[in-house]
């Protein structure tokens, strides 16, 4: 099965990002494809390399970057939501790219299921 993922919440104030990441890892481990993760609303905060979590805490941004690198998952950040929050190309973590809502629509069309995490 081919999944598209939508993440609407930031990395540390809500469980949505953790749940989305764990869902992606489990789906890939079971042989499914995760073609794209689209970060929207506060979810765009998952993409900034400026986060510095404490050493004993999980690094949510680094986990997403590693997922993209190891499994070729397309990590897309909504341009309008990103710019509203001060996130531009120069602050993106590795593996993330900024694009428009058309990428979310395309993910929904091409995937067998579009799974949403967060409000």
PDB file of N, CA and C in Angstrom:
ATOM      1  N   UNK A   1       0.849  -1.178   0.000  1.00  0.00           N
ATOM      2  CA  UNK A   1       0.000   0.000   0.000  1.00  0.00           C
ATOM      3  C   UNK A   1       0.892   1.238   0.000  1.00  0.00           C
ATOM      4  N   UNK A   2       0.448   2.261  -0.674  1.00  0.00           N
ATOM      5  CA  UNK A   2       1.181   3.521  -0.762  1.00  0.00           C
ATOM      6  C   UNK A   2       0.487   4.568   0.103  1.00  0.00           C
ATOM      7  N   UNK A   3       1.251   5.155   1.038  1.00  0.00           N
ATOM      8  CA  UNK A   3       0.702   6.138   1.968  1.00  0.00           C
ATOM      9  C   UNK A   3       1.231   7.533   1.677  1.00  0.00           C
ATOM     10  N   UNK A   4       0.367   8.504   1.839  1.00  0.00           N
ATOM     11  CA  UNK A   4       0.734   9.908   1.944  1.00  0.00           C
ATOM     12  C   UNK A   4       0.420  10.312   3.377  1.00  0.00           C
ATOM     13  N   UNK A   5       1.243  11.160   3.947  1.00  0.00           N
ATOM     14  CA  UNK A   5       1.087  11.541   5.356  1.00  0.00           C
ATOM     15  C   UNK A   5       0.971  13.058   5.444  1.00  0.00           C
ATOM     16  N   UNK A   6       0.058  13.533   6.289  1.00  0.00           N
ATOM     17  CA  UNK A   6      -0.103  14.955   6.573  1.00  0.00           C
ATOM     18  C   UNK A   6       0.136  15.181   8.058  1.00  0.00           C
ATOM     19  N   UNK A   7       1.088  16.068   8.382  1.00  0.00           N
ATOM     20  CA  UNK A   7       1.408  16.395   9.777  1.00  0.00           C
ATOM     21  C   UNK A   7       1.052  17.854  10.012  1.00  0.00           C
ATOM     22  N   UNK A   8       0.130  18.100  10.949  1.00  0.00           N
ATOM     23  CA  UNK A   8      -0.378  19.451  11.211  1.00  0.00           C
ATOM     24  C   UNK A   8       0.111  20.077  12.514  1.00  0.00           C
ATOM     25  N   UNK A   9       0.915  19.364  13.283  1.00  0.00           N
ATOM     26  CA  UNK A   9       1.352  19.869  14.592  1.00  0.00           C
ATOM     27  C   UNK A   9       2.870  19.876  14.699  1.00  0.00           C
ATOM     28  N   UNK A  10       3.367  20.745  15.567  1.00  0.00           N
ATOM     29  CA  UNK A  10       4.806  20.885  15.773  1.00  0.00           C
ATOM     30  C   UNK A  10       5.419  19.694  16.482  1.00  0.00           C
ATOM     31  N   UNK A  11       6.743  19.668  16.552  1.00  0.00           N
ATOM     32  CA  UNK A  11       7.440  18.480  17.049  1.00  0.00           C
ATOM     33  C   UNK A  11       7.392  18.263  18.555  1.00  0.00           C
ATOM     34  N   UNK A  12       7.206  19.295  19.351  1.00  0.00           N
ATOM     35  CA  UNK A  12       7.330  19.109  20.799  1.00  0.00           C
ATOM     36  C   UNK A  12       6.097  19.491  21.606  1.00  0.00           C
ATOM     37  N   UNK A  13       5.086  20.099  20.987  1.00  0.00           N
ATOM     38  CA  UNK A  13       3.906  20.494  21.751  1.00  0.00           C
ATOM     39  C   UNK A  13       2.722  19.559  21.577  1.00  0.00           C
ATOM     40  N   UNK A  14       2.877  18.532  20.760  1.00  0.00           N
ATOM     41  CA  UNK A  14       1.768  17.638  20.450  1.00  0.00           C
ATOM     42  C   UNK A  14       2.343  16.286  20.047  1.00  0.00           C
ATOM     43  N   UNK A  15       1.616  15.219  20.258  1.00  0.00           N
ATOM     44  CA  UNK A  15       2.111  13.879  19.913  1.00  0.00           C
ATOM     45  C   UNK A  15       1.974  13.536  18.431  1.00  0.00           C
ATOM     46  N   UNK A  16       1.357  14.410  17.646  1.00  0.00           N
ATOM     47  CA  UNK A  16       1.080  14.115  16.238  1.00  0.00           C
ATOM     48  C   UNK A  16       2.334  13.806  15.433  1.00  0.00           C
ATOM     49  N   UNK A  17       3.396  14.562  15.643  1.00  0.00           N
ATOM     50  CA  UNK A  17       4.627  14.326  14.883  1.00  0.00           C
ATOM     51  C   UNK A  17       5.255  12.984  15.244  1.00  0.00           C
ATOM     52  N   UNK A  18       5.307  12.680  16.530  1.00  0.00           N
ATOM     53  CA  UNK A  18       5.838  11.381  16.970  1.00  0.00           C
ATOM     54  C   UNK A  18       4.996  10.240  16.399  1.00  0.00           C
ATOM     55  N   UNK A  19       3.687  10.389  16.462  1.00  0.00           N
ATOM     56  CA  UNK A  19       2.795   9.341  15.948  1.00  0.00           C
ATOM     57  C   UNK A  19       2.971   9.162  14.443  1.00  0.00           C
ATOM     58  N   UNK A  20       3.089  10.262  13.713  1.00  0.00           N
ATOM     59  CA  UNK A  20       3.283  10.191  12.257  1.00  0.00           C
ATOM     60  C   UNK A  20       4.600   9.501  11.928  1.00  0.00           C
ATOM     61  N   UNK A  21       5.651   9.873  12.637  1.00  0.00           N
ATOM     62  CA  UNK A  21       6.961   9.261  12.399  1.00  0.00           C
ATOM     63  C   UNK A  21       6.923   7.754  12.681  1.00  0.00           C
ATOM     64  N   UNK A  22       6.355   7.375  13.806  1.00  0.00           N
ATOM     65  CA  UNK A  22       6.281   5.948  14.160  1.00  0.00           C
ATOM     66  C   UNK A  22       5.402   5.180  13.175  1.00  0.00           C
ATOM     67  N   UNK A  23       4.332   5.805  12.693  1.00  0.00           N
ATOM     68  CA  UNK A  23       3.487   5.186  11.671  1.00  0.00           C
ATOM     69  C   UNK A  23       4.301   4.939  10.400  1.00  0.00           C
ATOM     70  N   UNK A  24       5.053   5.944   9.976  1.00  0.00           N
ATOM     71  CA  UNK A  24       5.893   5.803   8.774  1.00  0.00           C
ATOM     72  C   UNK A  24       6.895   4.669   8.932  1.00  0.00           C
ATOM     73  N   UNK A  25       7.571   4.636  10.059  1.00  0.00           N
ATOM     74  CA  UNK A  25       8.570   3.580  10.309  1.00  0.00           C
ATOM     75  C   UNK A  25       7.914   2.195  10.272  1.00  0.00           C
ATOM     76  N   UNK A  26       6.765   2.057  10.904  1.00  0.00           N
ATOM     77  CA  UNK A  26       6.069   0.768  10.943  1.00  0.00           C
ATOM     78  C   UNK A  26       5.576   0.365   9.555  1.00  0.00           C
ATOM     79  N   UNK A  27       5.038   1.310   8.806  1.00  0.00           N
ATOM     80  CA  UNK A  27       4.540   1.017   7.461  1.00  0.00           C
ATOM     81  C   UNK A  27       5.680   0.557   6.555  1.00  0.00           C
ATOM     82  N   UNK A  28       6.795   1.244   6.609  1.00  0.00           N
ATOM     83  CA  UNK A  28       7.955   0.876   5.795  1.00  0.00           C
ATOM     84  C   UNK A  28       8.484  -0.490   6.205  1.00  0.00           C
ATOM     85  N   UNK A  29       8.525  -0.743   7.504  1.00  0.00           N
ATOM     86  CA  UNK A  29       9.007  -2.041   8.004  1.00  0.00           C
ATOM     87  C   UNK A  29       8.119  -3.194   7.529  1.00  0.00           C
ATOM     88  N   UNK A  30       6.836  -2.918   7.303  1.00  0.00           N
ATOM     89  CA  UNK A  30       5.897  -3.945   6.828  1.00  0.00           C
ATOM     90  C   UNK A  30       5.861  -4.035   5.303  1.00  0.00           C
ATOM     91  N   UNK A  31       6.724  -3.265   4.626  1.00  0.00           N
ATOM     92  CA  UNK A  31       6.804  -3.355   3.178  1.00  0.00           C
ATOM     93  C   UNK A  31       5.938  -2.370   2.412  1.00  0.00           C
ATOM     94  N   UNK A  32       5.301  -1.450   3.110  1.00  0.00           N
ATOM     95  CA  UNK A  32       4.489  -0.433   2.452  1.00  0.00           C
ATOM     96  C   UNK A  32       5.377   0.730   2.014  1.00  0.00           C
ATOM     97  N   UNK A  33       4.832   1.584   1.189  1.00  0.00           N
ATOM     98  CA  UNK A  33       5.574   2.754   0.719  1.00  0.00           C
ATOM     99  C   UNK A  33       4.985   4.018   1.336  1.00  0.00           C
ATOM    100  N   UNK A  34       5.858   4.877   1.837  1.00  0.00           N
ATOM    101  CA  UNK A  34       5.455   6.213   2.279  1.00  0.00           C
ATOM    102  C   UNK A  34       6.071   7.168   1.263  1.00  0.00           C
ATOM    103  N   UNK A  35       5.241   7.667   0.374  1.00  0.00           N
ATOM    104  CA  UNK A  35       5.752   8.467  -0.736  1.00  0.00           C
ATOM    105  C   UNK A  35       6.078   9.901  -0.331  1.00  0.00           C
ATOM    106  N   UNK A  36       5.239  10.477   0.510  1.00  0.00           N
ATOM    107  CA  UNK A  36       5.443  11.883   0.877  1.00  0.00           C
ATOM    108  C   UNK A  36       4.860  12.153   2.252  1.00  0.00           C
ATOM    109  N   UNK A  37       5.568  12.997   3.011  1.00  0.00           N
ATOM    110  CA  UNK A  37       5.034  13.547   4.251  1.00  0.00           C
ATOM    111  C   UNK A  37       4.932  15.050   4.018  1.00  0.00           C
ATOM    112  N   UNK A  38       3.721  15.576   4.175  1.00  0.00           N
ATOM    113  CA  UNK A  38       3.472  17.000   3.969  1.00  0.00           C
ATOM    114  C   UNK A  38       3.266  17.645   5.333  1.00  0.00           C
ATOM    115  N   UNK A  39       4.039  18.678   5.617  1.00  0.00           N
ATOM    116  CA  UNK A  39       3.973  19.386   6.894  1.00  0.00           C
ATOM    117  C   UNK A  39       3.221  20.695   6.687  1.00  0.00           C
ATOM    118  N   UNK A  40       2.136  20.863   7.453  1.00  0.00           N
ATOM    119  CA  UNK A  40       1.218  21.985   7.267  1.00  0.00           C
ATOM    120  C   UNK A  40       0.917  22.607   8.620  1.00  0.00           C
ATOM    121  N   UNK A  41       0.411  23.810   8.636  1.00  0.00           N
ATOM    122  CA  UNK A  41       0.120  24.559   9.869  1.00  0.00           C
ATOM    123  C   UNK A  41       1.363  24.545  10.763  1.00  0.00           C
ATOM    124  N   UNK A  42       1.217  24.292  12.067  1.00  0.00           N
ATOM    125  CA  UNK A  42       2.384  24.261  12.953  1.00  0.00           C
ATOM    126  C   UNK A  42       3.302  23.077  12.674  1.00  0.00           C
ATOM    127  N   UNK A  43       2.856  22.141  11.871  1.00  0.00           N
ATOM    128  CA  UNK A  43       3.688  21.009  11.496  1.00  0.00           C
ATOM    129  C   UNK A  43       4.963  21.421  10.766  1.00  0.00           C
ATOM    130  N   UNK A  44       4.973  22.622  10.176  1.00  0.00           N
ATOM    131  CA  UNK A  44       6.177  23.088   9.481  1.00  0.00           C
ATOM    132  C   UNK A  44       7.356  23.238  10.439  1.00  0.00           C
ATOM    133  N   UNK A  45       7.076  23.352  11.731  1.00  0.00           N
ATOM    134  CA  UNK A  45       8.161  23.474  12.719  1.00  0.00           C
ATOM    135  C   UNK A  45       8.982  22.192  12.848  1.00  0.00           C
ATOM    136  N   UNK A  46       8.505  21.105  12.276  1.00  0.00           N
ATOM    137  CA  UNK A  46       9.276  19.864  12.253  1.00  0.00           C
ATOM    138  C   UNK A  46      10.476  19.958  11.319  1.00  0.00           C
ATOM    139  N   UNK A  47      10.504  20.984  10.475  1.00  0.00           N
ATOM    140  CA  UNK A  47      11.499  21.063   9.403  1.00  0.00           C
ATOM    141  C   UNK A  47      12.687  21.967   9.695  1.00  0.00           C
ATOM    142  N   UNK A  48      12.683  22.680  10.781  1.00  0.00           N
ATOM    143  CA  UNK A  48      13.745  23.643  11.021  1.00  0.00           C
ATOM    144  C   UNK A  48      14.960  23.018  11.705  1.00  0.00           C
ATOM    145  N   UNK A  49      16.126  23.298  11.152  1.00  0.00           N
ATOM    146  CA  UNK A  49      17.370  22.787  11.734  1.00  0.00           C
ATOM    147  C   UNK A  49      17.803  23.611  12.948  1.00  0.00           C
ATOM    148  N   UNK A  50      17.041  24.634  13.299  1.00  0.00           N
ATOM    149  CA  UNK A  50      17.398  25.506  14.413  1.00  0.00           C
ATOM    150  C   UNK A  50      16.989  24.946  15.769  1.00  0.00           C
ATOM    151  N   UNK A  51      16.261  23.839  15.786  1.00  0.00           N
ATOM    152  CA  UNK A  51      15.885  23.240  17.073  1.00  0.00           C
ATOM    153  C   UNK A  51      17.102  22.568  17.705  1.00  0.00           C
ATOM    154  N   UNK A  52      17.219  22.696  19.007  1.00  0.00           N
ATOM    155  CA  UNK A  52      18.309  22.065  19.752  1.00  0.00           C
ATOM    156  C   UNK A  52      17.750  21.407  21.008  1.00  0.00           C
ATOM    157  N   UNK A  53      17.179  20.214  20.860  1.00  0.00           N
ATOM    158  CA  UNK A  53      16.632  19.533  22.034  1.00  0.00           C
ATOM    159  C   UNK A  53      17.756  19.094  22.984  1.00  0.00           C
ATOM    160  N   UNK A  54      17.459  18.951  24.268  1.00  0.00           N
ATOM    161  CA  UNK A  54      18.458  18.459  25.214  1.00  0.00           C
ATOM    162  C   UNK A  54      18.958  17.070  24.795  1.00  0.00           C
ATOM    163  N   UNK A  55      20.157  16.724  25.235  1.00  0.00           N
ATOM    164  CA  UNK A  55      20.768  15.446  24.856  1.00  0.00           C
ATOM    165  C   UNK A  55      19.927  14.243  25.255  1.00  0.00           C
ATOM    166  N   UNK A  56      19.183  14.357  26.348  1.00  0.00           N
ATOM    167  CA  UNK A  56      18.398  13.214  26.822  1.00  0.00           C
ATOM    168  C   UNK A  56      16.978  13.194  26.230  1.00  0.00           C
ATOM    169  N   UNK A  57      16.699  14.080  25.276  1.00  0.00           N
ATOM    170  CA  UNK A  57      15.392  14.126  24.629  1.00  0.00           C
ATOM    171  C   UNK A  57      15.523  13.655  23.185  1.00  0.00           C
ATOM    172  N   UNK A  58      14.416  13.259  22.594  1.00  0.00           N
ATOM    173  CA  UNK A  58      14.445  12.825  21.193  1.00  0.00           C
ATOM    174  C   UNK A  58      14.628  14.037  20.285  1.00  0.00           C
ATOM    175  N   UNK A  59      15.321  13.840  19.168  1.00  0.00           N
ATOM    176  CA  UNK A  59      15.511  14.903  18.198  1.00  0.00           C
ATOM    177  C   UNK A  59      14.566  14.617  17.033  1.00  0.00           C
ATOM    178  N   UNK A  60      13.387  15.187  17.104  1.00  0.00           N
ATOM    179  CA  UNK A  60      12.326  14.898  16.143  1.00  0.00           C
ATOM    180  C   UNK A  60      12.748  15.284  14.730  1.00  0.00           C
ATOM    181  N   UNK A  61      13.347  16.435  14.572  1.00  0.00           N
ATOM    182  CA  UNK A  61      13.755  16.915  13.249  1.00  0.00           C
ATOM    183  C   UNK A  61      14.779  15.966  12.635  1.00  0.00           C
ATOM    184  N   UNK A  62      15.764  15.549  13.421  1.00  0.00           N
ATOM    185  CA  UNK A  62      16.796  14.627  12.922  1.00  0.00           C
ATOM    186  C   UNK A  62      16.188  13.280  12.533  1.00  0.00           C
ATOM    187  N   UNK A  63      15.177  12.836  13.266  1.00  0.00           N
ATOM    188  CA  UNK A  63      14.528  11.560  12.913  1.00  0.00           C
ATOM    189  C   UNK A  63      13.883  11.642  11.538  1.00  0.00           C
ATOM    190  N   UNK A  64      13.190  12.761  11.270  1.00  0.00           N
ATOM    191  CA  UNK A  64      12.565  12.933   9.957  1.00  0.00           C
ATOM    192  C   UNK A  64      13.627  12.974   8.855  1.00  0.00           C
ATOM    193  N   UNK A  65      14.713  13.703   9.097  1.00  0.00           N
ATOM    194  CA  UNK A  65      15.787  13.788   8.101  1.00  0.00           C
ATOM    195  C   UNK A  65      16.373  12.413   7.803  1.00  0.00           C
ATOM    196  N   UNK A  66      16.562  11.625   8.836  1.00  0.00           N
ATOM    197  CA  UNK A  66      17.115  10.279   8.661  1.00  0.00           C
ATOM    198  C   UNK A  66      16.145   9.387   7.884  1.00  0.00           C
ATOM    199  N   UNK A  67      14.848   9.519   8.145  1.00  0.00           N
ATOM    200  CA  UNK A  67      13.844   8.751   7.421  1.00  0.00           C
ATOM    201  C   UNK A  67      13.897   9.070   5.926  1.00  0.00           C
ATOM    202  N   UNK A  68      14.031  10.348   5.605  1.00  0.00           N
ATOM    203  CA  UNK A  68      14.118  10.765   4.199  1.00  0.00           C
ATOM    204  C   UNK A  68      15.369  10.194   3.551  1.00  0.00           C
ATOM    205  N   UNK A  69      16.470  10.261   4.259  1.00  0.00           N
ATOM    206  CA  UNK A  69      17.743   9.780   3.711  1.00  0.00           C
ATOM    207  C   UNK A  69      17.735   8.266   3.498  1.00  0.00           C
ATOM    208  N   UNK A  70      17.251   7.528   4.469  1.00  0.00           N
ATOM    209  CA  UNK A  70      17.311   6.062   4.415  1.00  0.00           C
ATOM    210  C   UNK A  70      16.253   5.436   3.512  1.00  0.00           C
ATOM    211  N   UNK A  71      15.093   6.087   3.387  1.00  0.00           N
ATOM    212  CA  UNK A  71      13.982   5.453   2.675  1.00  0.00           C
ATOM    213  C   UNK A  71      13.445   6.282   1.505  1.00  0.00           C
ATOM    214  N   UNK A  72      14.076   7.407   1.207  1.00  0.00           N
ATOM    215  CA  UNK A  72      13.660   8.216   0.072  1.00  0.00           C
ATOM    216  C   UNK A  72      12.298   8.862   0.225  1.00  0.00           C
ATOM    217  N   UNK A  73      11.887   9.101   1.453  1.00  0.00           N
ATOM    218  CA  UNK A  73      10.596   9.748   1.697  1.00  0.00           C
ATOM    219  C   UNK A  73      10.713  11.240   1.383  1.00  0.00           C
ATOM    220  N   UNK A  74       9.770  11.755   0.613  1.00  0.00           N
ATOM    221  CA  UNK A  74       9.736  13.162   0.236  1.00  0.00           C
ATOM    222  C   UNK A  74       9.116  13.957   1.387  1.00  0.00           C
ATOM    223  N   UNK A  75       9.890  14.838   2.013  1.00  0.00           N
ATOM    224  CA  UNK A  75       9.417  15.662   3.123  1.00  0.00           C
ATOM    225  C   UNK A  75       9.144  17.066   2.599  1.00  0.00           C
ATOM    226  N   UNK A  76       7.870  17.428   2.502  1.00  0.00           N
ATOM    227  CA  UNK A  76       7.469  18.700   1.899  1.00  0.00           C
ATOM    228  C   UNK A  76       6.853  19.608   2.958  1.00  0.00           C
ATOM    229  N   UNK A  77       7.307  20.850   2.967  1.00  0.00           N
ATOM    230  CA  UNK A  77       6.848  21.860   3.915  1.00  0.00           C
ATOM    231  C   UNK A  77       6.007  22.883   3.160  1.00  0.00           C
ATOM    232  N   UNK A  78       4.823  23.167   3.653  1.00  0.00           N
ATOM    233  CA  UNK A  78       3.935  24.144   3.014  1.00  0.00           C
ATOM    234  C   UNK A  78       4.573  25.531   3.042  1.00  0.00           C
ATOM    235  N   UNK A  79       4.715  26.146   1.881  1.00  0.00           N
ATOM    236  CA  UNK A  79       5.387  27.438   1.773  1.00  0.00           C
ATOM    237  C   UNK A  79       4.673  28.527   2.564  1.00  0.00           C
ATOM    238  N   UNK A  80       3.363  28.620   2.452  1.00  0.00           N
ATOM    239  CA  UNK A  80       2.631  29.691   3.138  1.00  0.00           C
ATOM    240  C   UNK A  80       2.718  29.532   4.655  1.00  0.00           C
ATOM    241  N   UNK A  81       2.517  28.321   5.143  1.00  0.00           N
ATOM    242  CA  UNK A  81       2.592  28.071   6.586  1.00  0.00           C
ATOM    243  C   UNK A  81       4.008  28.301   7.101  1.00  0.00           C
ATOM    244  N   UNK A  82       5.002  27.923   6.310  1.00  0.00           N
ATOM    245  CA  UNK A  82       6.402  28.097   6.715  1.00  0.00           C
ATOM    246  C   UNK A  82       6.756  29.576   6.810  1.00  0.00           C
ATOM    247  N   UNK A  83       6.419  30.335   5.793  1.00  0.00           N
ATOM    248  CA  UNK A  83       6.766  31.759   5.793  1.00  0.00           C
ATOM    249  C   UNK A  83       6.080  32.506   6.934  1.00  0.00           C
ATOM    250  N   UNK A  84       4.843  32.110   7.264  1.00  0.00           N
ATOM    251  CA  UNK A  84       4.144  32.725   8.403  1.00  0.00           C
ATOM    252  C   UNK A  84       4.905  32.511   9.710  1.00  0.00           C
ATOM    253  N   UNK A  85       5.675  31.432   9.763  1.00  0.00           N
ATOM    254  CA  UNK A  85       6.394  31.076  10.995  1.00  0.00           C
ATOM    255  C   UNK A  85       7.892  31.350  10.888  1.00  0.00           C
ATOM    256  N   UNK A  86       8.298  32.069   9.855  1.00  0.00           N
ATOM    257  CA  UNK A  86       9.703  32.451   9.712  1.00  0.00           C
ATOM    258  C   UNK A  86      10.618  31.350   9.222  1.00  0.00           C
ATOM    259  N   UNK A  87      10.057  30.329   8.619  1.00  0.00           N
ATOM    260  CA  UNK A  87      10.867  29.215   8.124  1.00  0.00           C
ATOM    261  C   UNK A  87      11.082  29.392   6.624  1.00  0.00           C
ATOM    262  N   UNK A  88      12.346  29.504   6.249  1.00  0.00           N
ATOM    263  CA  UNK A  88      12.733  29.676   4.849  1.00  0.00           C
ATOM    264  C   UNK A  88      13.714  28.573   4.477  1.00  0.00           C
ATOM    265  N   UNK A  89      14.063  28.501   3.211  1.00  0.00           N
ATOM    266  CA  UNK A  89      14.971  27.461   2.721  1.00  0.00           C
ATOM    267  C   UNK A  89      16.249  27.357   3.540  1.00  0.00           C
ATOM    268  N   UNK A  90      16.806  28.503   3.930  1.00  0.00           N
ATOM    269  CA  UNK A  90      18.099  28.487   4.615  1.00  0.00           C
ATOM    270  C   UNK A  90      18.061  27.881   6.022  1.00  0.00           C
ATOM    271  N   UNK A  91      16.889  27.677   6.596  1.00  0.00           N
ATOM    272  CA  UNK A  91      16.818  27.064   7.922  1.00  0.00           C
ATOM    273  C   UNK A  91      16.259  25.637   7.894  1.00  0.00           C
ATOM    274  N   UNK A  92      16.031  25.106   6.701  1.00  0.00           N
ATOM    275  CA  UNK A  92      15.493  23.746   6.608  1.00  0.00           C
ATOM    276  C   UNK A  92      16.547  22.704   6.975  1.00  0.00           C
ATOM    277  N   UNK A  93      16.101  21.694   7.682  1.00  0.00           N
ATOM    278  CA  UNK A  93      16.957  20.550   7.992  1.00  0.00           C
ATOM    279  C   UNK A  93      17.136  19.710   6.725  1.00  0.00           C
ATOM    280  N   UNK A  94      18.164  18.884   6.680  1.00  0.00           N
ATOM    281  CA  UNK A  94      18.382  18.036   5.502  1.00  0.00           C
ATOM    282  C   UNK A  94      17.171  17.147   5.217  1.00  0.00           C
ATOM    283  N   UNK A  95      16.860  17.001   3.930  1.00  0.00           N
ATOM    284  CA  UNK A  95      15.768  16.136   3.509  1.00  0.00           C
ATOM    285  C   UNK A  95      14.439  16.837   3.319  1.00  0.00           C
ATOM    286  N   UNK A  96      14.307  18.050   3.852  1.00  0.00           N
ATOM    287  CA  UNK A  96      13.068  18.812   3.722  1.00  0.00           C
ATOM    288  C   UNK A  96      13.152  19.757   2.528  1.00  0.00           C
ATOM    289  N   UNK A  97      11.992  20.049   1.939  1.00  0.00           N
ATOM    290  CA  UNK A  97      11.923  21.056   0.889  1.00  0.00           C
ATOM    291  C   UNK A  97      10.611  21.823   1.028  1.00  0.00           C
ATOM    292  N   UNK A  98      10.636  23.065   0.582  1.00  0.00           N
ATOM    293  CA  UNK A  98       9.444  23.910   0.645  1.00  0.00           C
ATOM    294  C   UNK A  98       8.721  23.858  -0.691  1.00  0.00           C
ATOM    295  N   UNK A  99       7.407  23.721  -0.641  1.00  0.00           N
ATOM    296  CA  UNK A  99       6.593  23.714  -1.852  1.00  0.00           C
ATOM    297  C   UNK A  99       5.167  24.110  -1.477  1.00  0.00           C
ATOM    298  N   UNK A 100       4.272  24.058  -2.440  1.00  0.00           N
ATOM    299  CA  UNK A 100       2.901  24.494  -2.223  1.00  0.00           C
ATOM    300  C   UNK A 100       1.931  23.367  -1.921  1.00  0.00           C
ATOM    301  N   UNK A 101       0.684  23.746  -1.720  1.00  0.00           N
ATOM    302  CA  UNK A 101      -0.376  22.791  -1.389  1.00  0.00           C
ATOM    303  C   UNK A 101      -0.636  21.782  -2.500  1.00  0.00           C
ATOM    304  N   UNK A 102      -0.212  22.093  -3.706  1.00  0.00           N
ATOM    305  CA  UNK A 102      -0.367  21.146  -4.806  1.00  0.00           C
ATOM    306  C   UNK A 102       0.324  19.820  -4.510  1.00  0.00           C
ATOM    307  N   UNK A 103       1.395  19.873  -3.721  1.00  0.00           N
ATOM    308  CA  UNK A 103       2.107  18.652  -3.345  1.00  0.00           C
ATOM    309  C   UNK A 103       1.262  17.776  -2.416  1.00  0.00           C
ATOM    310  N   UNK A 104       0.443  18.417  -1.577  1.00  0.00           N
ATOM    311  CA  UNK A 104      -0.473  17.663  -0.709  1.00  0.00           C
ATOM    312  C   UNK A 104      -1.575  17.028  -1.552  1.00  0.00           C
ATOM    313  N   UNK A 105      -2.122  17.794  -2.476  1.00  0.00           N
ATOM    314  CA  UNK A 105      -3.164  17.271  -3.355  1.00  0.00           C
ATOM    315  C   UNK A 105      -2.618  16.086  -4.156  1.00  0.00           C
ATOM    316  N   UNK A 106      -1.424  16.243  -4.709  1.00  0.00           N
ATOM    317  CA  UNK A 106      -0.808  15.167  -5.480  1.00  0.00           C
ATOM    318  C   UNK A 106      -0.595  13.916  -4.631  1.00  0.00           C
ATOM    319  N   UNK A 107      -0.150  14.101  -3.378  1.00  0.00           N
ATOM    320  CA  UNK A 107       0.042  12.959  -2.479  1.00  0.00           C
ATOM    321  C   UNK A 107      -1.279  12.234  -2.248  1.00  0.00           C
ATOM    322  N   UNK A 108      -2.344  13.002  -2.072  1.00  0.00           N
ATOM    323  CA  UNK A 108      -3.657  12.404  -1.857  1.00  0.00           C
ATOM    324  C   UNK A 108      -4.170  11.644  -3.067  1.00  0.00           C
ATOM    325  N   UNK A 109      -3.876  12.139  -4.248  1.00  0.00           N
ATOM    326  CA  UNK A 109      -4.308  11.482  -5.483  1.00  0.00           C
ATOM    327  C   UNK A 109      -3.509  10.204  -5.736  1.00  0.00           C
ATOM    328  N   UNK A 110      -2.193  10.289  -5.553  1.00  0.00           N
ATOM    329  CA  UNK A 110      -1.321   9.171  -5.904  1.00  0.00           C
ATOM    330  C   UNK A 110      -1.281   8.058  -4.856  1.00  0.00           C
ATOM    331  N   UNK A 111      -1.567   8.389  -3.612  1.00  0.00           N
ATOM    332  CA  UNK A 111      -1.501   7.390  -2.541  1.00  0.00           C
ATOM    333  C   UNK A 111      -2.801   6.590  -2.466  1.00  0.00           C
ATOM    334  N   UNK A 112      -2.681   5.389  -1.909  1.00  0.00           N
ATOM    335  CA  UNK A 112      -3.880   4.603  -1.622  1.00  0.00           C
ATOM    336  C   UNK A 112      -4.624   5.187  -0.419  1.00  0.00           C
ATOM    337  N   UNK A 113      -3.859   5.744   0.511  1.00  0.00           N
ATOM    338  CA  UNK A 113      -4.428   6.362   1.720  1.00  0.00           C
ATOM    339  C   UNK A 113      -3.636   7.608   2.066  1.00  0.00           C
ATOM    340  N   UNK A 114      -4.335   8.667   2.456  1.00  0.00           N
ATOM    341  CA  UNK A 114      -3.706   9.863   3.004  1.00  0.00           C
ATOM    342  C   UNK A 114      -4.062   9.886   4.484  1.00  0.00           C
ATOM    343  N   UNK A 115      -3.073   9.781   5.337  1.00  0.00           N
ATOM    344  CA  UNK A 115      -3.290   9.689   6.772  1.00  0.00           C
ATOM    345  C   UNK A 115      -2.893  11.010   7.412  1.00  0.00           C
ATOM    346  N   UNK A 116      -3.786  11.588   8.210  1.00  0.00           N
ATOM    347  CA  UNK A 116      -3.572  12.890   8.831  1.00  0.00           C
ATOM    348  C   UNK A 116      -3.252  12.735  10.321  1.00  0.00           C
ATOM    349  N   UNK A 117      -2.249  13.486  10.774  1.00  0.00           N
ATOM    350  CA  UNK A 117      -1.873  13.496  12.188  1.00  0.00           C
ATOM    351  C   UNK A 117      -1.959  14.920  12.702  1.00  0.00           C
ATOM    352  N   UNK A 118      -2.775  15.144  13.732  1.00  0.00           N
ATOM    353  CA  UNK A 118      -2.976  16.476  14.299  1.00  0.00           C
ATOM    354  C   UNK A 118      -4.234  17.110  13.739  1.00  0.00           C
ATOM    355  N   UNK A 119      -4.664  18.165  14.423  1.00  0.00           N
ATOM    356  CA  UNK A 119      -5.910  18.859  14.040  1.00  0.00           C
ATOM    357  C   UNK A 119      -5.794  19.574  12.721  1.00  0.00           C
TER     358      UNK A 119
END
